[in-house]
Structures are given as structure tokens and as C-alpha cells.
C-alpha atoms as a PDB file:
ATOM      1  CA  UNK A   1       4.289 -18.762   0.367  1.00  0.00           C
ATOM      2  CA  UNK A   2       3.470 -15.806   2.582  1.00  0.00           C
ATOM      3  CA  UNK A   3       4.596 -12.329   1.592  1.00  0.00           C
ATOM      4  CA  UNK A   4       7.592 -10.782   3.202  1.00  0.00           C
ATOM      5  CA  UNK A   5       7.387  -7.094   3.365  1.00  0.00           C
ATOM      6  CA  UNK A   6      11.142  -7.179   2.195  1.00  0.00           C
ATOM      7  CA  UNK A   7      10.530  -9.108  -0.661  1.00  0.00           C
ATOM      8  CA  UNK A   8       7.923  -6.379  -1.769  1.00  0.00           C
ATOM      9  CA  UNK A   9       9.744  -3.581  -0.903  1.00  0.00           C
ATOM     10  CA  UNK A  10      12.667  -4.547  -3.254  1.00  0.00           C
ATOM     11  CA  UNK A  11      10.552  -4.385  -6.194  1.00  0.00           C
ATOM     12  CA  UNK A  12       9.395  -0.692  -5.275  1.00  0.00           C
ATOM     13  CA  UNK A  13      10.817   1.477  -7.753  1.00  0.00           C
ATOM     14  CA  UNK A  14       8.602   4.417  -7.123  1.00  0.00           C
ATOM     15  CA  UNK A  15       6.153   5.868  -4.887  1.00  0.00           C
ATOM     16  CA  UNK A  16       4.032   8.704  -5.845  1.00  0.00           C
ATOM     17  CA  UNK A  17       1.898  10.411  -2.868  1.00  0.00           C
ATOM     18  CA  UNK A  18      -1.153  13.130  -3.339  1.00  0.00           C
ATOM     19  CA  UNK A  19      -4.274  13.913  -1.478  1.00  0.00           C
ATOM     20  CA  UNK A  20      -6.462  10.879  -1.742  1.00  0.00           C
ATOM     21  CA  UNK A  21      -4.006   8.029  -3.470  1.00  0.00           C
ATOM     22  CA  UNK A  22      -0.924   6.392  -3.387  1.00  0.00           C
ATOM     23  CA  UNK A  23       0.451   5.259  -6.877  1.00  0.00           C
ATOM     24  CA  UNK A  24       3.041   2.252  -6.154  1.00  0.00           C
ATOM     25  CA  UNK A  25       5.575   1.541  -9.343  1.00  0.00           C
ATOM     26  CA  UNK A  26       6.665  -2.016  -8.689  1.00  0.00           C
ATOM     27  CA  UNK A  27       9.361  -2.819 -11.188  1.00  0.00           C
ATOM     28  CA  UNK A  28      11.414  -6.506 -11.733  1.00  0.00           C
ATOM     29  CA  UNK A  29      14.708  -6.012 -12.530  1.00  0.00           C
ATOM     30  CA  UNK A  30      15.198  -9.263 -13.827  1.00  0.00           C
ATOM     31  CA  UNK A  31      13.114  -8.371 -17.080  1.00  0.00           C
ATOM     32  CA  UNK A  32      12.665  -4.915 -16.558  1.00  0.00           C
ATOM     33  CA  UNK A  33       8.914  -4.586 -16.745  1.00  0.00           C
ATOM     34  CA  UNK A  34       7.204  -1.929 -14.334  1.00  0.00           C
ATOM     35  CA  UNK A  35       3.593  -2.699 -13.015  1.00  0.00           C
ATOM     36  CA  UNK A  36       1.644   0.335 -10.976  1.00  0.00           C
ATOM     37  CA  UNK A  37      -1.063   0.054  -8.810  1.00  0.00           C
ATOM     38  CA  UNK A  38      -3.047   2.693  -7.084  1.00  0.00           C
ATOM     39  CA  UNK A  39      -4.721   2.660  -4.090  1.00  0.00           C
ATOM     40  CA  UNK A  40      -6.778   5.104  -1.638  1.00  0.00           C
ATOM     41  CA  UNK A  41      -4.460   7.133   0.829  1.00  0.00           C
ATOM     42  CA  UNK A  42      -6.188   5.511   4.098  1.00  0.00           C
ATOM     43  CA  UNK A  43      -5.431   3.291   6.646  1.00  0.00           C
ATOM     44  CA  UNK A  44      -4.812  -0.285   5.798  1.00  0.00           C
ATOM     45  CA  UNK A  45      -7.558  -1.831   7.612  1.00  0.00           C
ATOM     46  CA  UNK A  46     -10.030   0.319   5.284  1.00  0.00           C
ATOM     47  CA  UNK A  47     -11.939   3.318   5.187  1.00  0.00           C
ATOM     48  CA  UNK A  48     -12.580   5.702   8.063  1.00  0.00           C
ATOM     49  CA  UNK A  49     -16.070   5.817   8.825  1.00  0.00           C
ATOM     50  CA  UNK A  50     -17.850   8.808  10.128  1.00  0.00           C
ATOM     51  CA  UNK A  51     -21.585   9.300  10.482  1.00  0.00           C
ATOM     52  CA  UNK A  52     -23.461  12.502   9.683  1.00  0.00           C
ATOM     53  CA  UNK A  53     -24.597  12.730  13.662  1.00  0.00           C
ATOM     54  CA  UNK A  54     -20.686  12.607  14.546  1.00  0.00           C
ATOM     55  CA  UNK A  55     -19.700  15.376  12.486  1.00  0.00           C
ATOM     56  CA  UNK A  56     -22.768  17.142  13.621  1.00  0.00           C
ATOM     57  CA  UNK A  57     -22.599  16.873  17.258  1.00  0.00           C
ATOM     58  CA  UNK A  58     -18.292  16.420  17.458  1.00  0.00           C
ATOM     59  CA  UNK A  59     -17.134  17.978  14.306  1.00  0.00           C
ATOM     60  CA  UNK A  60     -13.411  18.240  16.098  1.00  0.00           C
ATOM     61  CA  UNK A  61     -13.333  14.806  17.197  1.00  0.00           C
ATOM     62  CA  UNK A  62     -14.357  13.532  13.776  1.00  0.00           C
ATOM     63  CA  UNK A  63     -12.052  16.205  11.946  1.00  0.00           C
ATOM     64  CA  UNK A  64      -9.212  14.879  14.199  1.00  0.00           C
ATOM     65  CA  UNK A  65     -10.043  11.081  13.699  1.00  0.00           C
ATOM     66  CA  UNK A  66     -10.098  12.129  10.173  1.00  0.00           C
ATOM     67  CA  UNK A  67      -7.103  13.640   9.269  1.00  0.00           C
ATOM     68  CA  UNK A  68      -4.638  12.204  12.239  1.00  0.00           C
ATOM     69  CA  UNK A  69      -5.165   9.024  11.685  1.00  0.00           C
ATOM     70  CA  UNK A  70      -1.588   7.201  11.225  1.00  0.00           C
ATOM     71  CA  UNK A  71      -1.371   5.293   7.936  1.00  0.00           C
ATOM     72  CA  UNK A  72       1.829   3.637   7.066  1.00  0.00           C
ATOM     73  CA  UNK A  73       3.029   3.833   3.585  1.00  0.00           C
ATOM     74  CA  UNK A  74       5.825   1.154   3.969  1.00  0.00           C
ATOM     75  CA  UNK A  75       7.964  -0.151   6.965  1.00  0.00           C
ATOM     76  CA  UNK A  76       9.711  -3.257   7.365  1.00  0.00           C
ATOM     77  CA  UNK A  77       8.538  -3.940  10.848  1.00  0.00           C
ATOM     78  CA  UNK A  78       4.882  -3.502   9.923  1.00  0.00           C
ATOM     79  CA  UNK A  79       2.717  -6.280   7.978  1.00  0.00           C
ATOM     80  CA  UNK A  80      -0.004  -3.588   7.377  1.00  0.00           C
ATOM     81  CA  UNK A  81       0.695  -0.847   4.977  1.00  0.00           C
ATOM     82  CA  UNK A  82      -0.365   0.617   1.525  1.00  0.00           C
ATOM     83  CA  UNK A  83       2.537  -0.783  -0.143  1.00  0.00           C
ATOM     84  CA  UNK A  84       1.637  -4.221   0.647  1.00  0.00           C
ATOM     85  CA  UNK A  85      -1.967  -3.781  -0.459  1.00  0.00           C
ATOM     86  CA  UNK A  86      -0.830  -1.975  -3.654  1.00  0.00           C
ATOM     87  CA  UNK A  87       1.254  -5.355  -4.287  1.00  0.00           C
ATOM     88  CA  UNK A  88      -1.680  -7.330  -3.572  1.00  0.00           C
ATOM     89  CA  UNK A  89      -3.597  -5.881  -6.371  1.00  0.00           C
ATOM     90  CA  UNK A  90      -0.916  -6.692  -8.904  1.00  0.00           C
ATOM     91  CA  UNK A  91       0.468  -9.662  -7.234  1.00  0.00           C
ATOM     92  CA  UNK A  92      -1.117 -11.927 -10.135  1.00  0.00           C
ATOM     93  CA  UNK A  93       1.854 -10.251 -12.218  1.00  0.00           C
ATOM     94  CA  UNK A  94       4.192 -11.508 -10.284  1.00  0.00           C
ATOM     95  CA  UNK A  95       5.687 -15.096  -9.484  1.00  0.00           C
ATOM     96  CA  UNK A  96       8.159 -16.374  -6.407  1.00  0.00           C
ATOM     97  CA  UNK A  97      11.557 -17.116  -8.333  1.00  0.00           C
ATOM     98  CA  UNK A  98      13.590 -19.632  -6.026  1.00  0.00           C
ATOM     99  CA  UNK A  99      16.650 -18.995  -8.106  1.00  0.00           C
ATOM    100  CA  UNK A 100      16.403 -15.167  -7.986  1.00  0.00           C
ATOM    101  CA  UNK A 101      15.129 -15.559  -4.273  1.00  0.00           C
ATOM    102  CA  UNK A 102      12.457 -12.676  -5.437  1.00  0.00           C
ATOM    103  CA  UNK A 103       9.511 -11.998  -7.156  1.00  0.00           C
ATOM    104  CA  UNK A 104       9.879 -11.934 -11.072  1.00  0.00           C
ATOM    105  CA  UNK A 105       7.196 -10.596 -13.668  1.00  0.00           C
ATOM    106  CA  UNK A 106       5.331 -13.477 -15.114  1.00  0.00           C
END
């Protein structure tokens, strides 16, 4: 079954964001267990790669590209978010339960 963003958001108990990382706390309300996933604070598709030549010859453009790339933490209309990336890292701790129609802790 493909992961639905709304199913993952329902597990989200707490999100902590600092300069470099996002920590997502996924809590199973049925078993009262929490799993924490920490991922880099970067665009979902991967790191922003800037070569030293770009930094040397185009410092302002490099700065703007690095610091102004939109990053989506979570949202129901977006399927590439940091929360989904964080859930993928800990999804082995959860399984889909048809009775409750949600993910529960293993």
C-alpha cells in the first residue's frame, strides 16, 4: 500500500527544526510509543550541490540558490516533504492496521 501523506501526518506528534536538521516524532496512539527520525534540513530531492567554481565566480547566485530553495516540511498537497522522508527512515517500526485504518507501532 502506498504511503498516504495524511496517514503519516496523523502519527506526527512533534517536529523540531534547527539550522541543519529536522527531528520528527511519530507517535502511535494505540500503543503509546514514539519513534524519532532525524533528517537533514534540505530539499527532499537531495542536497543542493554548489561547486567551488560557482561560489568563486557567482557568489551571490550561489548564496541565493542555497539559502532560498523552498523546503516543504509537510503539507497534504505535496508528496515530497521532509516529514515523508523522515517517516521512510522509520517505517519499519510501523505497519498498516486495517481495523484502525492507520499505521500502528509494530
